[in-house]
Each structure stands twice: as C-alpha cells, then as structure tokens.
Amino acid sequence: MKLNRDRFGKDEDYGKVIPEDEAFELLNDWVKNEKLIAHMKQVAHLMAAFAETKGLSESDQYRWYLAGLLHDADWEKWPESHCRLIIEELESRGVDPEIIRAIASHGPKYFGVEPKSDMDKMLYAFDELSGLIHAYSLMRPEGYVGMNVKGVKKRLKDKSFAAQVSREDISDAANRAGISLDELIQFVVINQIDTRDKFLL
C-alpha cells in the first residue's frame, strides 16, 4: 500500500475544502459499514476539538475535521488500495493539499508517508487510539462516563483486547506528536462525539 510519493494535491488548492454535505455524500456513497462511519466521525470530531484547543479558526477546524472524516473512506470497498483512492478523489476535487497529506500520512509504516504537520501527527495519533478507547467504552455499563486513563492503559497492555489495534502505532504516534500517552487518552475520553460535535450532521 506504499504511495511512493510525498507531495499531494496542487499548490493553488491550499485552503480549499468541499462543503460538509458533499463530504457526507462521498462518505455515504463509499462506506456502508456503520461502525466504520462512526469511527471516521469520531476521529473527525477529535480533530476539530484539538484544532480548537490550538486556537485555530473555525475554517481551520473544519479542515482538520475533513481529514478525520474521510481518512478511511476507501477502506471498506478497496482495502488493497486503501488511502490511494481517497487521495486521488480529493485531488480531483481540488481539496487542500494539507488535508490530503494528513490522510496520506495516517499510517506511515503502511503508506510510506511521514507525518510532518500538526494535522498529520494528530490524525495518526487519534486513529488507532480512539478505536481502542471506543471498544473499551462498549464493554463498560456507563460507556465513557467515569472512564479514566488507568483503565484505558490496562486495556492497552492486554494484547488480546481489541487485538486489531496496533499498540506500536499508538506509541509511535504519541511520540511523533510530542504528547504524552496519558494526555492523549485523557483528551479522547473527554472529547467524545456524544458530548460535542458542531460539525456533525
């Protein structure tokens, strides 16, 4: 699945986005698995929430949101071409190269693209970690309510729990982002999709 390139989109498209209804039309056309759609919405929500904490404008928050919302859009239909097809689709629509590059770098060991920008690094950081934390919430009667870092880290150490989640990627992403794993976990737990989602339709 190596992409074998490091530049994405066109320079003249910096700052350009597709509207939310168009993004959801693409998502719903390509993805039928409700759990995968929920994952992408959750990552999108976390991306927007983090961008807000960095003091970015609402338009920039939306750019981060789009990167999260569409990062796995081609996974269900075309797993053997994962990342390549959504990148090509967004390039054809003239989407901001920073959004496309973030998507291209959300799995560096798989796609061969190193996360460089904050958007790149945080998409990589939230992807696997949010999946594990969500799996943990489903086994708790209270869901996310009362969840703490200690409980999440206990599940991280249990390799049989959510075994498909890469612990190596979670650790690598936290290191690249320069944020402690405890802080990342706390952020994901606090900023859940059911508590705040100003971009979600």
Protein backbone atom coordinates (compact mmCIF):
# COMPACT_ATOMS: atom_id res chain seq x y z
CA MET A 1 0.00 0.00 0.00
CA LYS A 2 3.03 2.32 -0.24
CA LEU A 3 2.07 5.55 -2.00
CA ASN A 4 5.60 6.19 -3.29
CA ARG A 5 5.25 9.96 -3.22
CA ASP A 6 5.41 12.78 -0.70
CA ARG A 7 3.54 15.60 -2.43
CA PHE A 8 -0.23 15.67 -2.72
CA GLY A 9 -2.70 17.99 -4.37
CA LYS A 10 -1.92 21.28 -6.06
CA ASP A 11 -0.40 24.40 -4.51
CA GLU A 12 -3.22 26.53 -5.89
CA ASP A 13 -5.72 24.47 -3.91
CA TYR A 14 -4.38 25.44 -0.47
CA GLY A 15 -7.29 26.43 1.76
CA LYS A 16 -9.91 24.84 -0.47
CA VAL A 17 -12.42 22.42 1.02
CA ILE A 18 -15.55 20.61 -0.02
CA PRO A 19 -18.74 21.51 1.85
CA GLU A 20 -19.99 19.24 4.58
CA ASP A 21 -22.92 17.86 2.59
CA GLU A 22 -20.58 16.91 -0.26
CA ALA A 23 -18.19 15.21 2.18
CA PHE A 24 -21.01 13.17 3.68
CA GLU A 25 -22.35 12.31 0.23
CA LEU A 26 -18.93 10.88 -0.65
CA LEU A 27 -18.68 9.07 2.66
CA ASN A 28 -22.12 7.52 2.43
CA ASP A 29 -21.57 6.52 -1.20
CA TRP A 30 -18.30 4.74 -0.49
CA VAL A 31 -18.92 3.33 3.00
CA LYS A 32 -21.81 1.13 4.11
CA ASN A 33 -20.33 -0.21 7.35
CA GLU A 34 -21.93 1.86 10.12
CA LYS A 35 -19.14 1.09 12.59
CA LEU A 36 -16.53 2.39 10.15
CA ILE A 37 -18.57 5.54 9.53
CA ALA A 38 -18.88 6.03 13.30
CA HIS A 39 -15.09 5.66 13.63
CA MET A 40 -14.45 8.31 11.00
CA LYS A 41 -16.97 10.68 12.57
CA GLN A 42 -15.31 10.19 15.95
CA VAL A 43 -11.84 10.89 14.59
CA ALA A 44 -13.20 13.93 12.74
CA HIS A 45 -14.72 15.21 15.96
CA LEU A 46 -11.47 14.75 17.87
CA MET A 47 -9.51 16.51 15.13
CA ALA A 48 -11.81 19.54 15.22
CA ALA A 49 -11.76 19.61 19.02
CA PHE A 50 -7.96 19.52 19.10
CA ALA A 51 -7.69 22.23 16.45
CA GLU A 52 -9.93 24.40 18.61
CA THR A 53 -7.68 23.92 21.64
CA LYS A 54 -4.79 25.16 19.48
CA GLY A 55 -6.67 28.39 18.85
CA LEU A 56 -7.23 27.71 15.16
CA SER A 57 -10.04 29.45 13.30
CA GLU A 58 -13.32 27.69 12.64
CA SER A 59 -12.38 27.31 8.97
CA ASP A 60 -9.15 25.60 10.01
CA GLN A 61 -11.03 23.43 12.48
CA TYR A 62 -13.20 22.31 9.58
CA ARG A 63 -10.11 21.42 7.53
CA TRP A 64 -8.92 19.19 10.38
CA TYR A 65 -12.42 17.76 10.64
CA LEU A 66 -12.46 16.81 6.94
CA ALA A 67 -9.14 14.99 7.26
CA GLY A 68 -10.58 12.88 10.05
CA LEU A 69 -13.93 12.34 8.38
CA LEU A 70 -12.53 10.98 5.12
CA HIS A 71 -9.29 9.28 6.18
CA ASP A 72 -10.66 5.72 5.87
CA ALA A 73 -13.26 6.36 3.17
CA ASP A 74 -11.80 3.85 0.70
CA TRP A 75 -11.01 1.13 3.25
CA GLU A 76 -14.26 -0.87 3.02
CA LYS A 77 -14.64 -1.11 -0.77
CA TRP A 78 -11.00 -1.12 -1.78
CA PRO A 79 -8.81 -2.31 1.12
CA GLU A 80 -5.98 -3.24 -1.24
CA SER A 81 -5.90 0.37 -2.46
CA HIS A 82 -6.55 1.98 0.92
CA CYS A 83 -5.54 5.63 1.06
CA ARG A 84 -4.61 5.79 -2.64
CA LEU A 85 -8.19 6.11 -3.91
CA ILE A 86 -9.43 8.68 -1.41
CA ILE A 87 -6.30 10.73 -2.10
CA GLU A 88 -6.92 10.64 -5.83
CA GLU A 89 -10.58 11.51 -5.32
CA LEU A 90 -9.80 14.53 -3.15
CA GLU A 91 -7.09 15.68 -5.56
CA SER A 92 -9.62 15.53 -8.40
CA ARG A 93 -11.97 17.71 -6.34
CA GLY A 94 -9.29 20.32 -5.70
CA VAL A 95 -9.11 19.81 -1.94
CA ASP A 96 -6.43 21.49 0.19
CA PRO A 97 -3.12 19.57 -0.11
CA GLU A 98 -2.66 19.70 3.68
CA ILE A 99 -5.87 17.72 4.19
CA ILE A 100 -4.83 15.18 1.58
CA ARG A 101 -1.33 14.85 3.03
CA ALA A 102 -2.71 14.27 6.52
CA ILE A 103 -4.77 11.38 5.16
CA ALA A 104 -1.73 10.03 3.30
CA SER A 105 0.38 10.04 6.46
CA HIS A 106 -2.07 8.50 8.96
CA GLY A 107 -0.22 5.16 8.73
CA PRO A 108 3.43 5.86 7.93
CA LYS A 109 4.61 2.25 8.04
CA TYR A 110 1.80 1.24 5.67
CA PHE A 111 1.72 4.16 3.23
CA GLY A 112 5.34 5.32 3.42
CA VAL A 113 4.45 8.96 4.15
CA GLU A 114 5.91 10.52 7.30
CA PRO A 115 3.63 12.76 9.41
CA LYS A 116 5.09 16.29 9.37
CA SER A 117 2.45 18.90 10.17
CA ASP A 118 0.38 19.06 13.35
CA MET A 119 -2.62 17.92 11.32
CA ASP A 120 -0.68 14.90 10.05
CA LYS A 121 0.53 13.93 13.51
CA MET A 122 -2.81 14.28 15.28
CA LEU A 123 -4.72 12.28 12.68
CA TYR A 124 -2.18 9.49 13.16
CA ALA A 125 -2.45 9.87 16.94
CA PHE A 126 -6.24 9.76 17.14
CA ASP A 127 -6.86 6.98 14.62
CA GLU A 128 -5.85 3.80 16.45
CA LEU A 129 -6.19 5.18 19.98
CA SER A 130 -9.79 6.30 19.54
CA GLY A 131 -10.69 2.87 18.21
CA LEU A 132 -9.31 1.13 21.28
CA ILE A 133 -10.96 3.58 23.67
CA HIS A 134 -14.28 3.22 21.88
CA ALA A 135 -14.03 -0.57 22.16
CA TYR A 136 -13.40 -0.14 25.87
CA SER A 137 -16.45 2.14 26.22
CA LEU A 138 -18.67 -0.57 24.71
CA MET A 139 -17.77 -3.04 27.48
CA ARG A 140 -18.48 -0.53 30.26
CA PRO A 141 -22.08 -0.11 31.51
CA GLU A 142 -21.50 3.66 31.78
CA GLY A 143 -19.70 3.95 28.44
CA TYR A 144 -17.31 6.89 28.57
CA VAL A 145 -18.74 8.24 31.82
CA GLY A 146 -16.21 7.79 34.59
CA MET A 147 -13.59 6.32 32.25
CA ASN A 148 -10.04 7.09 33.30
CA VAL A 149 -6.52 6.86 31.93
CA LYS A 150 -5.60 3.93 34.18
CA GLY A 151 -8.44 1.80 32.82
CA VAL A 152 -7.54 2.58 29.20
CA LYS A 153 -3.85 1.80 29.77
CA LYS A 154 -4.81 -1.52 31.34
CA ARG A 155 -6.63 -2.41 28.11
CA LEU A 156 -3.65 -1.23 26.08
CA LYS A 157 -1.43 -3.70 27.92
CA ASP A 158 -3.89 -6.52 27.30
CA LYS A 159 -2.90 -7.53 23.76
CA SER A 160 -5.97 -9.76 23.44
CA PHE A 161 -8.30 -6.78 23.90
CA ALA A 162 -9.12 -5.05 20.58
CA ALA A 163 -6.29 -7.13 19.15
CA GLN A 164 -6.57 -5.47 15.74
CA VAL A 165 -5.48 -2.14 17.23
CA SER A 166 -1.74 -1.54 16.80
CA ARG A 167 -0.15 -0.69 20.15
CA GLU A 168 3.06 0.09 18.24
CA ASP A 169 1.28 2.72 16.14
CA ILE A 170 -0.30 4.29 19.23
CA SER A 171 3.08 4.66 20.93
CA ASP A 172 4.78 5.89 17.76
CA ALA A 173 2.04 8.44 17.10
CA ALA A 174 2.19 9.86 20.62
CA ASN A 175 5.97 10.23 20.34
CA ARG A 176 5.70 11.98 16.98
CA ALA A 177 3.02 14.33 18.30
CA GLY A 178 5.16 15.18 21.32
CA ILE A 179 2.23 14.50 23.64
CA SER A 180 2.27 12.00 26.48
CA LEU A 181 0.07 8.96 26.05
CA ASP A 182 -1.75 9.88 29.27
CA GLU A 183 -2.62 13.31 27.86
CA LEU A 184 -3.81 11.84 24.58
CA ILE A 185 -6.01 9.30 26.33
CA GLN A 186 -7.48 11.98 28.57
CA PHE A 187 -8.24 14.17 25.57
CA VAL A 188 -10.02 11.37 23.72
CA VAL A 189 -12.06 10.42 26.78
CA ILE A 190 -13.12 14.00 27.50
CA ASN A 191 -13.86 15.00 23.92
CA GLN A 192 -16.35 12.39 22.88
CA ILE A 193 -18.64 12.60 19.90
CA ASP A 194 -21.78 12.43 22.05
CA THR A 195 -20.78 15.44 24.14
CA ARG A 196 -19.89 17.96 21.45
CA ASP A 197 -20.00 17.81 17.66
CA LYS A 198 -20.69 21.12 16.00
CA PHE A 199 -19.83 19.85 12.52
CA LEU A 200 -21.71 16.53 12.62
CA LEU A 201 -24.87 16.39 10.52
